Protein backbone atom coordinates (compact mmCIF):
# COMPACT_ATOMS: atom_id res chain seq x y z
CA MET A 1 0.00 0.00 0.00
CA PRO A 2 1.42 3.46 -0.89
CA GLN A 3 2.66 5.58 2.00
CA VAL A 4 0.35 8.06 3.70
CA PRO A 5 0.49 11.43 1.82
CA LEU A 6 1.70 13.25 4.93
CA ALA A 7 2.31 16.55 3.13
CA SER A 8 -1.37 16.64 2.15
CA LEU A 9 -2.84 16.13 5.63
CA ARG A 10 -2.57 19.74 6.85
CA PRO A 11 -4.13 21.21 3.65
CA PHE A 12 -6.89 18.58 3.91
CA GLU A 13 -7.54 19.41 7.58
CA ALA A 14 -7.70 23.15 6.85
CA ALA A 15 -10.05 22.59 3.91
CA THR A 16 -12.38 20.52 6.10
CA ARG A 17 -12.28 22.99 8.98
CA HIS A 18 -13.20 25.88 6.68
CA GLU A 19 -15.31 23.76 4.28
CA SER A 20 -13.64 25.89 1.64
CA PHE A 21 -10.59 25.33 -0.54
CA VAL A 22 -10.27 29.10 -1.00
CA LYS A 23 -10.17 29.86 2.75
CA ALA A 24 -7.79 26.97 3.37
CA ALA A 25 -5.52 28.31 0.64
CA ALA A 26 -5.51 31.77 2.25
CA GLU A 27 -4.65 30.28 5.66
CA LEU A 28 -1.75 28.20 4.32
CA ASN A 29 -0.55 30.70 1.70
CA MET A 30 -1.28 28.28 -1.13
CA THR A 31 -3.52 28.32 -4.17
CA SER A 32 -6.97 26.75 -4.07
CA ALA A 33 -5.85 24.46 -6.90
CA ALA A 34 -3.00 23.20 -4.72
CA ILE A 35 -5.42 22.57 -1.85
CA SER A 36 -7.64 20.63 -4.22
CA GLN A 37 -4.70 18.51 -5.37
CA HIS A 38 -3.74 17.71 -1.77
CA VAL A 39 -7.32 16.75 -0.90
CA ARG A 40 -7.50 14.54 -3.97
CA ALA A 41 -4.26 12.86 -2.92
CA VAL A 42 -5.76 11.99 0.47
CA GLU A 43 -8.99 10.75 -1.13
CA ASN A 44 -7.06 8.59 -3.58
CA TRP A 45 -4.99 7.10 -0.79
CA LEU A 46 -8.04 6.34 1.37
CA GLY A 47 -10.27 5.33 -1.50
CA VAL A 48 -13.04 7.42 0.07
CA ALA A 49 -14.73 10.67 -0.99
CA LEU A 50 -13.99 13.31 1.65
CA PHE A 51 -15.80 16.21 -0.02
CA ILE A 52 -18.88 16.72 -2.14
CA ARG A 53 -17.99 19.18 -4.90
CA HIS A 54 -20.70 21.48 -6.21
CA ALA A 55 -20.96 24.76 -8.09
CA ARG A 56 -20.88 26.90 -4.94
CA GLY A 57 -17.90 25.18 -3.35
CA VAL A 58 -17.41 22.01 -1.35
CA THR A 59 -19.06 20.24 1.57
CA ALA A 60 -17.20 17.77 3.75
CA THR A 61 -18.66 14.27 3.93
CA THR A 62 -19.16 12.44 7.22
CA ALA A 63 -16.01 10.44 6.49
CA GLY A 64 -14.17 13.67 5.77
CA ARG A 65 -15.17 15.24 9.08
CA ASP A 66 -14.27 12.10 11.02
CA PHE A 67 -10.86 11.82 9.41
CA ALA A 68 -10.17 15.56 9.72
CA ALA A 69 -10.88 15.42 13.46
CA ALA A 70 -8.38 12.60 13.84
CA VAL A 71 -5.81 14.46 11.72
CA ALA A 72 -6.25 17.67 13.74
CA ASN A 73 -5.75 15.78 16.99
CA GLY A 74 -2.65 14.05 15.63
CA LEU A 75 -1.13 17.25 14.26
CA GLY A 76 -1.72 18.91 17.62
CA HIS A 77 0.20 16.19 19.44
CA ILE A 78 3.00 16.40 16.87
CA GLU A 79 3.21 20.15 17.42
CA ILE A 80 3.49 19.66 21.19
CA ALA A 81 6.26 17.09 20.75
CA ALA A 82 8.09 19.35 18.30
CA GLN A 83 7.90 22.28 20.70
CA GLN A 84 9.43 20.13 23.45
CA LEU A 85 12.31 18.84 21.31
CA ARG A 86 13.26 21.78 19.13
CA LEU A 87 16.44 23.46 20.27
CA ASP A 88 17.87 26.79 19.34
CA SER A 89 20.25 29.33 20.77
CA ILE A 90 17.82 30.97 23.18
CA GLU A 91 19.43 31.38 26.59
CA HIS A 92 16.16 31.36 28.52
CA PRO A 93 13.47 29.18 26.90
CA VAL A 94 10.02 29.61 28.41
CA SER A 95 8.30 26.44 29.57
CA VAL A 96 4.55 26.11 30.05
CA ALA A 97 2.63 23.07 31.30
CA CYS A 98 -0.80 22.67 29.80
CA ILE A 99 -3.55 20.08 29.44
CA ALA A 100 -3.75 18.63 25.94
CA SER A 101 -7.14 20.09 25.00
CA VAL A 102 -6.11 23.67 25.80
CA ALA A 103 -2.75 23.20 24.09
CA THR A 104 -4.13 21.80 20.83
CA ARG A 105 -7.34 23.82 20.59
CA TRP A 106 -6.35 27.22 22.01
CA LEU A 107 -2.64 27.77 22.68
CA ILE A 108 -0.93 26.18 19.67
CA PRO A 109 -3.13 27.89 17.03
CA ARG A 110 -2.13 31.24 18.59
CA LEU A 111 1.62 30.60 18.85
CA PRO A 112 2.44 31.80 15.30
CA ALA A 113 1.20 35.27 16.26
CA PHE A 114 3.47 35.26 19.32
CA ARG A 115 6.47 33.98 17.36
CA LYS A 116 5.94 36.66 14.74
CA LYS A 117 6.01 39.35 17.41
CA HIS A 118 8.80 37.76 19.49
CA PRO A 119 10.91 35.59 17.14
CA GLY A 120 13.76 35.34 19.65
CA ILE A 121 11.76 33.63 22.41
CA ARG A 122 11.53 29.84 22.38
CA ILE A 123 8.46 28.26 23.99
CA ASN A 124 8.51 24.72 25.37
CA ILE A 125 5.06 23.18 25.87
CA VAL A 126 4.82 20.13 28.12
CA TYR A 127 1.91 18.10 29.44
CA ALA A 128 0.46 19.17 32.76
CA LEU A 129 0.34 15.92 34.68
CA ASP A 130 -0.29 15.67 38.43
CA ALA A 131 1.85 18.56 39.64
CA PRO A 132 -0.42 21.30 41.08
CA THR A 133 2.05 24.18 40.69
CA PRO A 134 4.61 25.40 38.14
CA LYS A 135 7.38 24.69 40.66
CA GLY A 136 6.19 21.11 41.10
CA ALA A 137 6.09 20.64 37.31
CA GLY A 138 9.47 22.32 36.81
CA VAL A 139 8.07 24.98 34.46
CA ASP A 140 7.72 28.74 34.33
CA LEU A 141 3.98 28.83 33.69
CA MET A 142 1.06 26.45 34.02
CA ILE A 143 -2.50 26.45 32.69
CA ARG A 144 -4.91 24.54 34.95
CA HIS A 145 -8.62 23.76 34.74
CA GLY A 146 -11.12 23.95 37.57
CA PRO A 147 -12.05 26.28 40.45
CA ARG A 148 -9.50 28.95 41.37
CA PRO A 149 -6.37 26.99 42.42
CA ALA A 150 -4.58 29.89 44.12
CA ALA A 151 -5.20 33.49 45.10
CA ASP A 152 -2.80 34.81 42.46
CA ALA A 153 -4.15 32.63 39.62
CA VAL A 154 -5.31 34.58 36.56
CA ALA A 155 -8.44 33.48 34.71
CA LEU A 156 -7.55 33.03 31.02
CA LEU A 157 -10.74 31.45 29.65
CA ALA A 158 -14.16 30.52 30.97
CA ALA A 159 -14.51 26.74 31.21
CA GLU A 160 -18.31 26.59 31.25
CA THR A 161 -19.75 23.83 29.09
CA ARG A 162 -22.91 23.55 27.01
CA PRO A 163 -24.59 20.68 25.13
CA THR A 164 -22.94 20.68 21.72
CA CYS A 165 -23.19 18.59 18.58
CA SER A 166 -22.26 18.81 14.93
CA ALA A 167 -24.63 20.60 12.56
CA GLU A 168 -24.99 17.32 10.70
CA TYR A 169 -25.99 15.41 13.83
CA LYS A 170 -28.64 18.04 14.61
CA ARG A 171 -30.03 17.70 11.08
CA ARG A 172 -30.23 13.92 11.46
CA HIS A 173 -31.57 13.80 15.01
CA GLY A 174 -33.29 17.18 15.44
CA PRO A 175 -35.02 19.32 16.16
CA LEU A 176 -33.62 19.00 19.77
CA GLN A 177 -35.47 22.13 20.83
CA ASN A 178 -35.99 21.25 24.51
CA PRO A 179 -33.68 19.63 27.07
CA ALA A 180 -36.11 16.69 27.29
CA ASP A 181 -35.38 15.95 23.61
CA LEU A 182 -31.93 14.75 24.68
CA ALA A 183 -33.57 11.63 26.11
CA ASP A 184 -33.22 9.97 22.70
CA ALA A 185 -29.88 11.56 21.76
CA ASP A 186 -26.49 9.85 21.79
CA LEU A 187 -24.73 11.36 24.79
CA LEU A 188 -20.94 11.48 24.85
CA HIS A 189 -19.07 11.64 28.14
CA ASP A 190 -15.80 13.30 29.11
CA GLU A 191 -14.14 11.06 31.78
CA THR A 192 -17.42 10.20 33.59
CA SER A 193 -21.18 10.53 33.10
CA SER A 194 -21.51 12.77 36.17
CA SER A 195 -21.37 16.00 34.15
CA TRP A 196 -24.46 15.06 32.16
CA ALA A 197 -26.28 14.10 35.38
CA ARG A 198 -25.51 17.55 36.80
CA TRP A 199 -26.60 19.29 33.60
CA PHE A 200 -29.93 17.44 33.53
CA ALA A 201 -30.55 18.46 37.15
CA LEU A 202 -29.68 22.07 36.28
CA ALA A 203 -32.18 21.93 33.40
CA GLY A 204 -34.86 20.59 35.74
CA LEU A 205 -34.81 17.04 34.42
CA HIS A 206 -34.45 14.12 36.80
CA ARG A 207 -33.01 11.34 34.72
CA SER A 208 -29.80 9.37 34.47
CA PRO A 209 -27.61 9.93 31.43
CA ASP A 210 -27.39 7.07 28.97
CA SER A 211 -24.48 4.68 28.78
CA GLY A 212 -22.82 6.31 25.78
CA PRO A 213 -19.06 6.15 25.24
CA VAL A 214 -16.79 7.66 27.90
CA PHE A 215 -13.60 9.37 26.68
CA ALA A 216 -10.45 9.81 28.73
CA ASP A 217 -10.33 13.54 28.04
CA PHE A 218 -11.93 16.32 26.01
CA SER A 219 -9.37 16.03 23.20
CA LEU A 220 -10.75 12.58 22.42
CA MET A 221 -14.41 13.43 22.95
CA ILE A 222 -14.40 16.47 20.68
CA ALA A 223 -13.29 14.31 17.75
CA SER A 224 -16.43 12.23 18.24
CA VAL A 225 -18.62 15.34 18.53
CA ILE A 226 -17.18 16.85 15.35
CA GLY A 227 -17.60 13.49 13.65
CA GLY A 228 -21.37 13.63 14.24
CA GLN A 229 -21.50 10.74 16.70
CA GLY A 230 -23.49 12.46 19.43
CA VAL A 231 -23.91 15.33 21.88
CA GLY A 232 -21.19 16.30 24.34
CA LEU A 233 -20.83 18.90 27.07
CA CYS A 234 -18.14 21.06 25.50
CA PRO A 235 -16.26 24.07 26.90
CA THR A 236 -17.48 26.81 24.60
CA ALA A 237 -14.18 28.70 24.72
CA LEU A 238 -12.31 25.78 23.13
CA ILE A 239 -14.65 25.31 20.17
CA ALA A 240 -15.02 28.94 19.09
CA ASP A 241 -13.75 28.28 15.55
CA GLU A 242 -16.17 25.41 14.92
CA LEU A 243 -19.08 27.41 16.33
CA ALA A 244 -18.17 30.37 14.13
CA ASN A 245 -18.01 28.34 10.91
CA GLY A 246 -21.13 26.31 11.73
CA THR A 247 -19.45 22.91 12.04
CA LEU A 248 -20.68 22.70 15.64
CA VAL A 249 -23.76 24.12 17.30
CA THR A 250 -24.68 24.58 20.95
CA LEU A 251 -28.17 23.22 21.59
CA PHE A 252 -29.03 25.07 24.79
CA ASP A 253 -27.55 28.11 26.49
CA THR A 254 -27.80 26.67 30.02
CA PRO A 255 -24.13 26.43 31.08
CA LEU A 256 -22.52 23.96 33.45
CA ASP A 257 -19.33 24.55 35.44
CA THR A 258 -19.73 28.32 35.59
CA ASP A 259 -17.38 28.32 38.59
CA LYS A 260 -14.53 26.80 36.56
CA PHE A 261 -11.94 28.51 34.40
CA TYR A 262 -8.68 27.81 32.66
CA TRP A 263 -6.23 29.47 35.07
CA LEU A 264 -2.71 30.77 34.53
CA LEU A 265 -0.23 30.12 37.32
CA GLN A 266 3.33 31.43 37.33
CA GLY A 267 6.48 30.23 39.01
CA ASP A 268 8.93 32.24 41.07
CA ARG A 269 11.54 34.57 39.57
CA LEU A 270 10.36 34.56 35.97
CA SER A 271 12.89 35.48 33.31
CA GLY A 272 12.21 38.49 31.13
CA GLU A 273 11.15 36.15 28.32
CA ALA A 274 8.72 34.30 30.61
CA GLN A 275 7.21 37.60 31.75
CA ILE A 276 6.65 38.60 28.12
CA PHE A 277 4.95 35.28 27.36
CA ARG A 278 2.86 35.50 30.55
CA ASP A 279 1.58 38.95 29.58
CA TRP A 280 0.85 37.74 26.05
CA LEU A 281 -1.14 34.77 27.38
CA VAL A 282 -3.24 37.05 29.57
CA SER A 283 -3.89 39.36 26.62
CA ALA A 284 -4.76 36.43 24.32
CA GLY A 285 -7.17 35.02 26.88
CA GLY A 286 -8.85 38.32 27.53
């Protein structure tokens, strides 16, 4: 079997995210014809149609959305690994510990803007594991999720979640106009089913969530949501692009976890470079 057309995966992912070869070309500084050729290369390798072509543009197929979600997740992990390993001559690299979902869906897409403004500052992104503080993780900065972890923690992003599904799933299983309509929906769970139980109680419904698939973290669950496999409680701040382009829709405005945020913690005696990156993070979050 021919090798995976790796060079075509990023153009394909951008084309699916925008559902437009023209917009993908503008993002990647390519021509729309080049984007089309890359997409065709991926389709030929898979033997599956990933887009429906029509006079007004293109529409991603279900298979295209599923595969693009997997590609986006994989590229995000590659970017994290590359950031950890890449070495240059910077005397004081800035290290930040971050959970995977925030890294891949919020921080990494914004790094090119920071690098353009501060080309001499190297950023190392590492996974935030069990260490509760930057000192414990051996990093300059840390982004944590949950209630306020310390008095000096700075709120970067709201972490409130809302019932979310793909536009395609809503078309197939709609209208989903009332919370009670979720009784027959495919519910997707992030770590446990307790979040859905709390949301139903908040919406005034006394029922147990169904036994849908449980994902180890949001990075995995969002791929299933984007792929049209069900409804998940998603942090709105991390899916802003998909909500803006109509790939995803929030079904109800009743939020859960309004007391939780993505918090920025800083270590002691930050270098000048770390202070610059800290201030940029705060500005980007605001």
